Amino acid sequence: MAEIHELSAVELRNTLRSGELSARQTTRHFLDRIAAENRHLGAFITVTAEQAMQDAAAADEAHTRAVRDGTGLALLHGMPVAFKDLTDVAGVVTTHGSAALDHKPALADSAIVATLKSAGVLSLGKTQVPEFGLTAYSENRIAPPSRNPHALSRSSGGSSGGSAAAVAAGLVPFAPGSDGGGSVRIPAAACGLVGLKPGRGLAPAGESTGDPAGLVASGPMARTAGDAALLLDALVPGPAGSGHAGIPAPSYVELASQDPPRLRIGVSLDSPWQTIFPFTPDPEALDALAEGIRRLEAAGHETSEASLRYDNRYPAAFTTAWTAAVGDARIVPQREALLTPLTRTFRRRAQQRGPAQLAEALGFLRLFRRDTIAQYAAWDLILMPALAQTPRPVGWFTGAAHGDGYWPAAEWTGDADGDYRKQCEYAPWSSMVNVCGLPAISIPVHWTGGAKGAGLPMGIQLIGPMGSEALLLQLSVQLGY
């Protein structure tokens, strides 16, 4: 048999359910991998090894009872996962990636944790995030930065960057992430994973801070679409579709294995950020787009140029909504100096805005949503690169001087506005999908070294209408992922 971490999540789930592997064997294997690899990757902030082994023992006892009594097992019985450190896990500290907060154990599980625990998962710990999840890279002042398993000098993206690095390095079989402006799709693209942001309201949100615009959605990051579908089945309460005449609806795993219909796909490089931050996509991003078009057309789909119009008020309105919650974070004044420059700057600006300004921004974003969805409706799906640039070097956004030393000693020399501009130029096609509440998927169709697993991964993003999660997974399978 292959090494445990080499099994797909679906294969591992089946092996655990059959009893060929025990939860304790599986958990110990992944904990050993974390112990060996995390010092290089910085994927985990906290490892809860003792609790994980206790939970694994309980899972094995549940398996014994199920075999004895002929009862069923939970969907993800004994499957190890990790939660990003913006997500509350009872009894474990939630740092929010911030040195300015008191780090106290959470009193209760967040909704996403409770949902997945009820599905049978075992938590191995908490993964690296940017401070308050604000950025497209996972670097902060409390722990070493999360690095890309394909090139340790590069970032794994953000804000679910630690989780993406853990999946790509085989430290967990798959992981849930939360996506408020690209935070599942960006790190998935950077680490060569399939990353799915479901439509608004489909799955419980994963973060414990405010979200006045309803931007955040929880979604899976996995090595294959089939594995992502399995995690989505656990994340979504109830079946993937509506059953008829007492026949259960198919699961996302079942739906993902079906062929999609022939589709009309609009291809666009237009971004709502380009008026304020003009950018030119890297050749590698255009190579990924060309490869995505080639594969889609080879599968029988029709692609055509989509010329999209975005209101130039979008950048200011999105930034107002995106940073509103950090203004409300409870930080005592004497600890504000411990915030990163970006957080400190945007927190101050959020506090200087009145409720009327936030309400005006939210009102504009509702109009933006209606107009953008109406434009997208001319096609079945919208296609664009997942990222405009290759995965960035660690420290590139912040100007931080990195080494292998302890992260608070690093010097953060970059300015907040320059940092933010770099992020918007790096991932210019992400945030408007959250504003619209639409499903979208990142698929790693291209590698800069010329072959899968060689060089750096580059992906495409497909955006679909509400309810198209299964269709997006089908396209990923059809494209070879």
Protein backbone atom coordinates (compact mmCIF):
# COMPACT_ATOMS: atom_id res chain seq x y z
CA MET A 1 0.00 0.00 0.00
CA ALA A 2 1.10 3.58 -0.62
CA GLU A 3 2.27 5.69 2.30
CA ILE A 4 -0.72 6.94 4.27
CA HIS A 5 -0.16 10.57 3.25
CA GLU A 6 0.05 9.54 -0.42
CA LEU A 7 -3.52 8.21 -0.41
CA SER A 8 -6.19 10.51 -1.73
CA ALA A 9 -8.62 11.74 0.91
CA VAL A 10 -11.33 9.52 -0.60
CA GLU A 11 -9.03 6.49 -0.46
CA LEU A 12 -8.00 7.27 3.11
CA ARG A 13 -11.62 7.72 4.19
CA ASN A 14 -12.53 4.33 2.70
CA THR A 15 -9.53 2.66 4.32
CA LEU A 16 -10.46 4.06 7.73
CA ARG A 17 -14.07 2.98 7.37
CA SER A 18 -13.06 -0.54 6.34
CA GLY A 19 -10.77 -0.86 9.35
CA GLU A 20 -7.68 -1.53 7.22
CA LEU A 21 -6.16 1.49 8.97
CA SER A 22 -7.02 2.65 12.47
CA ALA A 23 -7.56 6.27 13.37
CA ARG A 24 -4.61 6.03 15.77
CA GLN A 25 -2.27 4.74 13.05
CA THR A 26 -3.41 7.47 10.70
CA THR A 27 -3.23 10.28 13.23
CA ARG A 28 0.23 9.25 14.44
CA HIS A 29 1.48 9.13 10.84
CA PHE A 30 0.36 12.68 10.11
CA LEU A 31 1.60 13.99 13.46
CA ASP A 32 5.01 12.50 12.70
CA ARG A 33 5.01 14.23 9.33
CA ILE A 34 4.12 17.55 10.96
CA ALA A 35 6.95 17.10 13.47
CA ALA A 36 9.41 16.44 10.66
CA GLU A 37 8.27 19.03 8.10
CA ASN A 38 6.65 21.96 9.89
CA ARG A 39 9.95 23.46 11.02
CA HIS A 40 10.66 24.15 7.33
CA LEU A 41 7.13 25.02 6.22
CA GLY A 42 5.68 27.06 9.06
CA ALA A 43 2.27 25.63 8.19
CA PHE A 44 1.12 25.07 11.80
CA ILE A 45 1.03 27.59 14.63
CA THR A 46 -0.32 25.09 17.17
CA VAL A 47 -0.19 21.28 17.08
CA THR A 48 -2.66 19.54 19.40
CA ALA A 49 -1.04 16.11 19.32
CA GLU A 50 -2.22 14.81 22.69
CA GLN A 51 -5.86 15.75 22.07
CA ALA A 52 -5.68 14.35 18.53
CA MET A 53 -4.48 10.96 19.79
CA GLN A 54 -7.24 10.90 22.42
CA ASP A 55 -9.81 11.67 19.73
CA ALA A 56 -8.29 8.97 17.49
CA ALA A 57 -8.64 6.40 20.28
CA ALA A 58 -12.28 7.38 20.69
CA ALA A 59 -12.78 7.04 16.93
CA ASP A 60 -11.32 3.53 17.00
CA GLU A 61 -13.67 2.60 19.83
CA ALA A 62 -16.57 3.95 17.77
CA HIS A 63 -15.44 1.78 14.85
CA THR A 64 -15.39 -1.31 17.08
CA ARG A 65 -18.92 -0.59 18.29
CA ALA A 66 -20.15 0.03 14.75
CA VAL A 67 -18.80 -3.32 13.56
CA ARG A 68 -20.23 -5.11 16.59
CA ASP A 69 -23.66 -3.48 16.46
CA GLY A 70 -23.99 -3.15 12.68
CA THR A 71 -24.40 0.62 12.89
CA GLY A 72 -23.00 3.25 10.56
CA LEU A 73 -19.95 5.49 10.84
CA ALA A 74 -19.69 9.23 10.33
CA LEU A 75 -18.94 10.40 6.79
CA LEU A 76 -15.35 11.41 7.64
CA HIS A 77 -14.73 8.89 10.40
CA GLY A 78 -11.18 9.29 11.74
CA MET A 79 -10.03 11.76 9.08
CA PRO A 80 -7.37 14.22 10.29
CA VAL A 81 -7.73 17.90 9.41
CA ALA A 82 -6.38 21.23 10.60
CA PHE A 83 -8.20 24.52 11.10
CA LYS A 84 -6.84 27.93 10.22
CA ASP A 85 -6.06 30.06 13.24
CA LEU A 86 -8.95 32.44 12.67
CA THR A 87 -11.33 29.63 13.60
CA ASP A 88 -12.32 28.78 17.17
CA VAL A 89 -11.66 25.22 18.33
CA ALA A 90 -12.82 24.61 21.89
CA GLY A 91 -9.92 24.49 24.34
CA VAL A 92 -7.34 25.71 21.81
CA VAL A 93 -5.97 29.24 21.52
CA THR A 94 -7.18 31.29 18.55
CA THR A 95 -4.40 33.78 17.85
CA HIS A 96 -5.95 35.48 14.80
CA GLY A 97 -2.29 35.78 13.77
CA SER A 98 -1.88 38.80 16.03
CA ALA A 99 0.68 39.62 18.70
CA ALA A 100 -1.62 42.39 19.94
CA LEU A 101 -4.27 40.03 21.31
CA ASP A 102 -4.42 38.04 24.51
CA HIS A 103 -4.13 34.43 23.43
CA LYS A 104 -6.75 32.53 25.40
CA PRO A 105 -8.28 29.12 24.65
CA ALA A 106 -11.61 29.30 22.82
CA LEU A 107 -14.64 28.44 24.92
CA ALA A 108 -16.54 26.65 22.15
CA ASP A 109 -16.17 25.31 18.63
CA SER A 110 -17.10 27.61 15.76
CA ALA A 111 -19.87 26.47 13.44
CA ILE A 112 -17.51 24.98 10.85
CA VAL A 113 -15.55 23.06 13.48
CA ALA A 114 -18.73 21.71 15.08
CA THR A 115 -20.02 20.68 11.65
CA LEU A 116 -16.85 18.81 10.71
CA LYS A 117 -16.41 17.20 14.12
CA SER A 118 -19.95 15.85 13.84
CA ALA A 119 -18.86 14.37 10.50
CA GLY A 120 -16.05 12.48 12.26
CA VAL A 121 -12.89 14.56 11.68
CA LEU A 122 -9.99 14.78 14.13
CA SER A 123 -8.23 18.13 14.52
CA LEU A 124 -4.42 18.09 14.52
CA GLY A 125 -4.06 21.79 15.29
CA LYS A 126 -4.24 25.35 14.00
CA THR A 127 -2.55 26.63 10.86
CA GLN A 128 -0.72 29.84 10.03
CA VAL A 129 -2.69 32.90 8.90
CA PRO A 130 -2.04 36.61 8.33
CA GLU A 131 -3.12 38.97 11.09
CA PHE A 132 -6.93 38.91 11.22
CA GLY A 133 -6.95 37.18 7.82
CA LEU A 134 -6.48 40.49 6.03
CA THR A 135 -3.84 39.59 3.45
CA ALA A 136 -3.01 37.32 0.52
CA TYR A 137 0.08 35.96 2.32
CA SER A 138 0.34 34.12 5.65
CA GLU A 139 2.99 36.01 7.58
CA ASN A 140 2.65 37.63 10.99
CA ARG A 141 4.56 38.58 14.13
CA ILE A 142 3.79 35.52 16.24
CA ALA A 143 5.20 32.55 14.31
CA PRO A 144 7.39 31.76 11.28
CA PRO A 145 5.80 32.50 7.91
CA SER A 146 3.97 29.80 6.00
CA ARG A 147 6.10 28.71 3.06
CA ASN A 148 5.25 27.11 -0.25
CA PRO A 149 6.07 23.36 -0.33
CA HIS A 150 7.05 23.69 -4.01
CA ALA A 151 9.66 26.39 -3.25
CA LEU A 152 10.38 27.26 0.36
CA SER A 153 11.49 30.77 -0.55
CA ARG A 154 7.95 31.50 -1.82
CA SER A 155 4.75 32.27 0.05
CA SER A 156 1.92 29.77 0.31
CA GLY A 157 -0.61 32.57 -0.10
CA GLY A 158 -3.32 33.69 2.30
CA SER A 159 -5.28 33.85 4.31
CA SER A 160 -5.66 30.05 4.39
CA GLY A 161 -1.95 29.75 3.56
CA GLY A 162 -0.93 27.47 6.40
CA SER A 163 -3.73 25.06 5.58
CA ALA A 164 -2.83 25.05 1.88
CA ALA A 165 0.82 24.38 2.67
CA ALA A 166 -0.19 21.54 4.99
CA VAL A 167 -2.32 19.87 2.32
CA ALA A 168 0.25 20.32 -0.45
CA ALA A 169 3.00 18.89 1.76
CA GLY A 170 0.95 15.88 2.85
CA LEU A 171 0.60 16.98 6.48
CA VAL A 172 -3.18 16.57 6.25
CA PRO A 173 -5.24 14.94 3.47
CA PHE A 174 -7.41 18.00 2.91
CA ALA A 175 -8.41 21.12 4.83
CA PRO A 176 -11.25 23.59 5.18
CA GLY A 177 -10.48 27.21 4.51
CA SER A 178 -12.44 30.42 4.71
CA ASP A 179 -12.61 32.81 1.78
CA GLY A 180 -13.60 36.47 2.19
CA GLY A 181 -11.64 37.93 -0.71
CA GLY A 182 -9.86 34.94 -2.23
CA SER A 183 -8.52 33.26 0.91
CA VAL A 184 -9.21 29.71 -0.31
CA ARG A 185 -8.54 30.21 -4.02
CA ILE A 186 -5.33 32.26 -3.67
CA PRO A 187 -3.39 29.78 -1.49
CA ALA A 188 -4.81 26.85 -3.43
CA ALA A 189 -3.46 28.38 -6.64
CA ALA A 190 -0.10 29.17 -5.03
CA CYS A 191 0.29 25.61 -3.70
CA GLY A 192 -1.05 23.66 -6.68
CA LEU A 193 -4.35 22.58 -5.11
CA VAL A 194 -8.00 22.57 -6.06
CA GLY A 195 -9.68 25.30 -4.02
CA LEU A 196 -13.45 25.78 -4.04
CA LYS A 197 -15.27 28.81 -2.69
CA PRO A 198 -18.95 27.81 -2.41
CA GLY A 199 -21.76 30.24 -2.99
CA ARG A 200 -22.93 32.46 -0.16
CA GLY A 201 -24.77 30.62 2.58
CA LEU A 202 -24.10 27.07 1.41
CA ALA A 203 -21.65 26.15 4.18
CA PRO A 204 -21.14 27.61 7.68
CA ALA A 205 -18.62 30.46 7.80
CA GLY A 206 -15.35 29.62 9.47
CA GLU A 207 -14.22 32.81 11.17
CA SER A 208 -15.12 34.32 14.50
CA THR A 209 -14.92 38.02 13.56
CA GLY A 210 -17.47 40.34 11.96
CA ASP A 211 -18.38 40.31 8.27
CA PRO A 212 -20.85 43.12 7.51
CA ALA A 213 -20.87 42.49 3.75
CA GLY A 214 -21.35 38.73 4.00
CA LEU A 215 -18.11 38.12 2.11
CA VAL A 216 -16.81 35.02 3.89
CA ALA A 217 -17.56 31.48 2.75
CA SER A 218 -15.99 28.23 3.94
CA GLY A 219 -14.68 25.83 1.34
CA PRO A 220 -12.34 22.89 0.75
CA MET A 221 -8.71 22.81 -0.35
CA ALA A 222 -7.54 19.45 -1.65
CA ARG A 223 -5.21 17.74 -4.08
CA THR A 224 -8.10 16.63 -6.32
CA ALA A 225 -11.65 17.67 -7.05
CA GLY A 226 -12.89 14.33 -5.71
CA ASP A 227 -11.24 15.03 -2.37
CA ALA A 228 -12.64 18.58 -2.35
CA ALA A 229 -16.10 17.14 -3.06
CA LEU A 230 -15.79 14.78 -0.10
CA LEU A 231 -15.00 17.63 2.28
CA LEU A 232 -17.80 19.72 0.78
CA ASP A 233 -20.22 16.88 1.50
CA ALA A 234 -19.29 17.22 5.17
CA LEU A 235 -19.40 21.02 5.16
CA VAL A 236 -22.84 21.34 3.62
CA PRO A 237 -25.78 20.42 5.84
CA GLY A 238 -28.05 18.11 3.92
CA PRO A 239 -27.58 16.56 0.46
CA ALA A 240 -26.08 18.29 -2.52
CA GLY A 241 -29.42 18.44 -4.34
CA SER A 242 -33.07 17.78 -3.65
CA GLY A 243 -34.16 14.16 -3.59
CA HIS A 244 -37.36 12.93 -5.20
CA ALA A 245 -39.87 10.25 -4.22
CA GLY A 246 -37.80 9.15 -1.26
CA ILE A 247 -34.62 8.73 -3.33
CA PRO A 248 -31.67 10.46 -1.66
CA ALA A 249 -30.01 13.20 -3.66
CA PRO A 250 -26.52 12.41 -4.95
CA SER A 251 -23.52 13.53 -2.96
CA TYR A 252 -20.97 16.00 -4.28
CA VAL A 253 -18.54 13.09 -4.63
CA GLU A 254 -21.04 11.33 -6.90
CA LEU A 255 -21.84 14.50 -8.82
CA ALA A 256 -18.17 15.37 -9.33
CA SER A 257 -17.62 12.07 -11.17
CA GLN A 258 -20.29 12.87 -13.75
CA ASP A 259 -19.55 14.55 -17.09
CA PRO A 260 -20.57 18.21 -17.33
CA PRO A 261 -22.74 19.45 -20.20
CA ARG A 262 -21.19 21.39 -23.02
CA LEU A 263 -20.67 24.94 -21.77
CA ARG A 264 -20.26 28.47 -23.09
CA ILE A 265 -17.36 30.02 -21.19
CA GLY A 266 -16.46 33.70 -21.23
CA VAL A 267 -12.75 34.49 -20.92
CA SER A 268 -11.72 37.77 -19.31
CA LEU A 269 -8.73 39.61 -17.89
CA ASP A 270 -10.87 42.52 -16.71
CA SER A 271 -10.63 43.35 -13.02
CA PRO A 272 -12.42 45.86 -10.77
CA TRP A 273 -8.98 46.85 -9.41
CA GLN A 274 -7.40 47.84 -12.73
CA THR A 275 -8.57 51.47 -12.70
CA ILE A 276 -6.79 52.23 -9.42
CA PHE A 277 -4.00 49.64 -9.69
CA PRO A 278 -3.18 49.03 -13.37
CA PHE A 279 -1.40 45.69 -13.73
CA THR A 280 0.04 43.42 -16.39
CA PRO A 281 -0.35 39.68 -15.84
CA ASP A 282 2.88 37.67 -15.73
CA PRO A 283 3.55 35.50 -18.79
CA GLU A 284 3.11 32.46 -16.52
CA ALA A 285 -0.43 33.61 -15.66
CA LEU A 286 -1.26 33.94 -19.35
CA ASP A 287 0.30 30.52 -19.99
CA ALA A 288 -2.03 29.04 -17.37
CA LEU A 289 -5.01 30.75 -18.98
CA ALA A 290 -4.03 29.47 -22.43
CA GLU A 291 -3.64 25.95 -21.06
CA GLY A 292 -7.03 26.16 -19.38
CA ILE A 293 -8.64 27.30 -22.64
CA ARG A 294 -6.90 24.50 -24.54
CA ARG A 295 -8.13 21.83 -22.15
CA LEU A 296 -11.66 23.20 -22.00
CA GLU A 297 -11.96 23.38 -25.78
CA ALA A 298 -10.49 19.89 -26.14
CA ALA A 299 -13.27 18.69 -23.82
CA GLY A 300 -15.87 20.20 -26.14
CA HIS A 301 -16.62 23.52 -24.45
CA GLU A 302 -16.90 26.82 -26.30
CA THR A 303 -14.82 29.78 -25.15
CA SER A 304 -15.12 33.41 -26.22
CA GLU A 305 -13.86 36.77 -25.03
CA ALA A 306 -15.91 38.38 -22.26
CA SER A 307 -15.55 42.14 -22.04
CA LEU A 308 -16.68 43.05 -18.52
CA ARG A 309 -17.33 46.52 -17.06
CA TYR A 310 -16.61 47.26 -13.43
CA ASP A 311 -17.56 50.47 -11.62
CA ASN A 312 -14.46 52.39 -10.53
CA ARG A 313 -15.99 52.97 -7.08
CA TYR A 314 -15.45 49.29 -6.29
CA PRO A 315 -11.92 49.45 -4.75
CA ALA A 316 -12.87 51.98 -2.09
CA ALA A 317 -16.17 50.27 -1.27
CA PHE A 318 -14.65 46.80 -1.01
CA THR A 319 -11.77 48.02 1.14
CA THR A 320 -14.21 49.74 3.49
CA ALA A 321 -16.26 46.55 3.90
CA TRP A 322 -13.23 44.23 4.04
CA THR A 323 -11.49 46.14 6.83
CA ALA A 324 -14.55 47.13 8.87
CA ALA A 325 -14.24 44.28 11.38
CA VAL A 326 -10.62 45.04 12.28
CA GLY A 327 -11.72 48.45 13.51
CA ASP A 328 -13.91 46.72 16.09
CA ALA A 329 -11.24 44.29 17.33
CA ARG A 330 -10.71 44.62 21.08
CA ILE A 331 -7.11 45.72 21.41
CA VAL A 332 -5.89 47.80 24.33
CA PRO A 333 -4.15 51.00 23.18
CA GLN A 334 -0.77 50.07 24.61
CA ARG A 335 -0.69 46.92 22.45
CA GLU A 336 -1.60 48.52 19.13
CA ALA A 337 2.11 48.98 18.39
CA LEU A 338 2.31 45.17 18.11
CA LEU A 339 0.02 45.18 15.07
CA THR A 340 1.57 44.84 11.64
CA PRO A 341 1.79 48.09 9.66
CA LEU A 342 -1.06 47.08 7.35
CA THR A 343 -3.42 46.10 10.15
CA ARG A 344 -2.61 49.19 12.20
CA THR A 345 -3.20 51.51 9.24
CA PHE A 346 -6.47 49.96 8.11
CA ARG A 347 -7.71 49.65 11.68
CA ARG A 348 -7.17 53.38 12.21
CA ARG A 349 -9.00 54.21 8.96
CA ALA A 350 -11.89 51.91 9.85
CA GLN A 351 -12.27 53.63 13.22
CA GLN A 352 -12.29 57.05 11.57
CA ARG A 353 -15.22 56.13 9.31
CA GLY A 354 -18.72 56.66 10.53
CA PRO A 355 -21.60 54.18 10.21
CA ALA A 356 -22.95 56.17 7.26
CA GLN A 357 -19.77 55.56 5.23
CA LEU A 358 -19.92 51.83 5.87
CA ALA A 359 -23.60 51.76 4.95
CA GLU A 360 -22.85 53.66 1.73
CA ALA A 361 -20.12 51.15 0.81
CA LEU A 362 -22.39 48.18 1.52
CA GLY A 363 -25.16 49.75 -0.56
CA PHE A 364 -22.79 50.20 -3.49
CA LEU A 365 -21.58 46.59 -3.22
CA ARG A 366 -25.18 45.37 -3.46
CA LEU A 367 -25.59 47.31 -6.71
CA PHE A 368 -22.21 46.02 -7.92
CA ARG A 369 -23.35 42.46 -7.23
CA ARG A 370 -26.53 42.82 -9.29
CA ASP A 371 -24.73 44.45 -12.23
CA THR A 372 -21.85 41.95 -12.26
CA ILE A 373 -24.08 38.88 -12.03
CA ALA A 374 -26.18 40.27 -14.89
CA GLN A 375 -23.03 40.58 -17.04
CA TYR A 376 -21.81 37.09 -16.15
CA ALA A 377 -25.19 35.62 -17.12
CA ALA A 378 -24.31 35.96 -20.81
CA TRP A 379 -22.12 32.85 -20.35
CA ASP A 380 -22.43 29.60 -18.39
CA LEU A 381 -19.09 30.23 -16.65
CA ILE A 382 -16.45 32.96 -16.52
CA LEU A 383 -12.76 32.02 -16.86
CA MET A 384 -9.64 33.97 -15.88
CA PRO A 385 -6.22 33.25 -14.37
CA ALA A 386 -6.31 32.42 -10.67
CA LEU A 387 -3.38 34.77 -9.98
CA ALA A 388 -1.74 37.51 -12.03
CA GLN A 389 1.76 36.64 -10.80
CA THR A 390 3.71 33.57 -9.76
CA PRO A 391 3.73 32.83 -6.00
CA ARG A 392 5.59 35.72 -4.41
CA PRO A 393 8.76 35.44 -2.30
CA VAL A 394 8.26 35.32 1.45
CA GLY A 395 8.52 38.91 2.74
CA TRP A 396 7.85 40.43 -0.68
CA PHE A 397 4.59 42.14 0.28
CA THR A 398 5.73 43.52 3.63
CA GLY A 399 9.36 44.33 3.01
CA ALA A 400 10.15 42.13 6.02
CA ALA A 401 13.71 40.89 6.44
CA HIS A 402 13.23 37.15 6.88
CA GLY A 403 15.53 34.47 8.07
CA ASP A 404 14.92 31.19 9.75
CA GLY A 405 14.78 32.91 13.13
CA TYR A 406 11.81 33.69 15.33
CA TRP A 407 9.35 35.90 13.49
CA PRO A 408 8.94 38.82 15.96
CA ALA A 409 12.60 39.67 15.37
CA ALA A 410 11.91 40.40 11.70
CA GLU A 411 11.85 44.01 10.56
CA TRP A 412 8.73 45.04 8.67
CA THR A 413 9.87 47.87 6.45
CA GLY A 414 7.07 48.08 3.89
CA ASP A 415 4.24 50.61 4.02
CA ALA A 416 0.61 49.54 4.34
CA ASP A 417 -0.62 51.07 1.09
CA GLY A 418 2.25 49.60 -0.92
CA ASP A 419 1.57 46.21 0.65
CA TYR A 420 -2.14 46.43 -0.21
CA ARG A 421 -1.45 47.50 -3.78
CA LYS A 422 0.88 44.54 -4.31
CA GLN A 423 -1.83 42.18 -3.07
CA CYS A 424 -4.46 43.63 -5.39
CA GLU A 425 -2.07 43.30 -8.35
CA TYR A 426 -1.18 39.74 -7.32
CA ALA A 427 -4.79 38.55 -7.00
CA PRO A 428 -6.96 41.01 -8.95
CA TRP A 429 -9.74 38.53 -9.84
CA SER A 430 -10.72 37.23 -6.42
CA SER A 431 -12.62 39.67 -4.23
CA MET A 432 -15.46 40.53 -6.62
CA VAL A 433 -16.56 36.88 -6.49
CA ASN A 434 -17.09 37.24 -2.73
CA VAL A 435 -19.06 40.44 -3.21
CA CYS A 436 -21.27 38.63 -5.71
CA GLY A 437 -21.59 35.59 -3.44
CA LEU A 438 -20.93 33.25 -6.36
CA PRO A 439 -19.18 29.86 -6.38
CA ALA A 440 -15.69 29.78 -7.87
CA ILE A 441 -12.90 27.23 -8.16
CA SER A 442 -9.13 27.43 -8.62
CA ILE A 443 -7.60 24.61 -10.67
CA PRO A 444 -3.79 24.14 -11.06
CA VAL A 445 -3.55 23.54 -14.80
CA HIS A 446 0.01 24.79 -15.40
CA TRP A 447 3.48 24.41 -13.85
CA THR A 448 6.35 26.74 -14.68
CA GLY A 449 8.73 23.78 -14.97
CA GLY A 450 6.67 22.31 -17.79
CA ALA A 451 5.22 19.28 -15.99
CA LYS A 452 2.92 18.69 -13.03
CA GLY A 453 4.91 19.04 -9.83
CA ALA A 454 7.80 20.81 -11.57
CA GLY A 455 8.53 24.46 -10.86
CA LEU A 456 5.75 26.65 -9.48
CA PRO A 457 2.02 25.97 -9.91
CA MET A 458 -0.21 28.40 -11.77
CA GLY A 459 -3.94 28.01 -12.03
CA ILE A 460 -7.16 29.19 -13.58
CA GLN A 461 -10.32 30.38 -11.88
CA LEU A 462 -13.79 29.42 -13.05
CA ILE A 463 -16.76 31.40 -11.70
CA GLY A 464 -20.25 29.93 -11.91
CA PRO A 465 -23.81 30.98 -11.06
CA MET A 466 -25.38 30.20 -7.72
CA GLY A 467 -25.70 26.47 -7.15
CA SER A 468 -22.93 25.49 -9.60
CA GLU A 469 -20.51 23.95 -7.08
CA ALA A 470 -20.99 20.44 -8.51
CA LEU A 471 -20.50 21.74 -12.06
CA LEU A 472 -17.23 23.44 -11.09
CA LEU A 473 -15.98 20.22 -9.51
CA GLN A 474 -16.95 18.31 -12.67
CA LEU A 475 -14.89 20.72 -14.77
CA SER A 476 -11.91 20.22 -12.48
CA VAL A 477 -12.15 16.45 -12.91
CA GLN A 478 -12.53 16.86 -16.66
CA LEU A 479 -9.38 18.99 -16.77
CA GLY A 480 -7.41 16.26 -15.01
CA TYR A 481 -7.69 17.36 -11.39
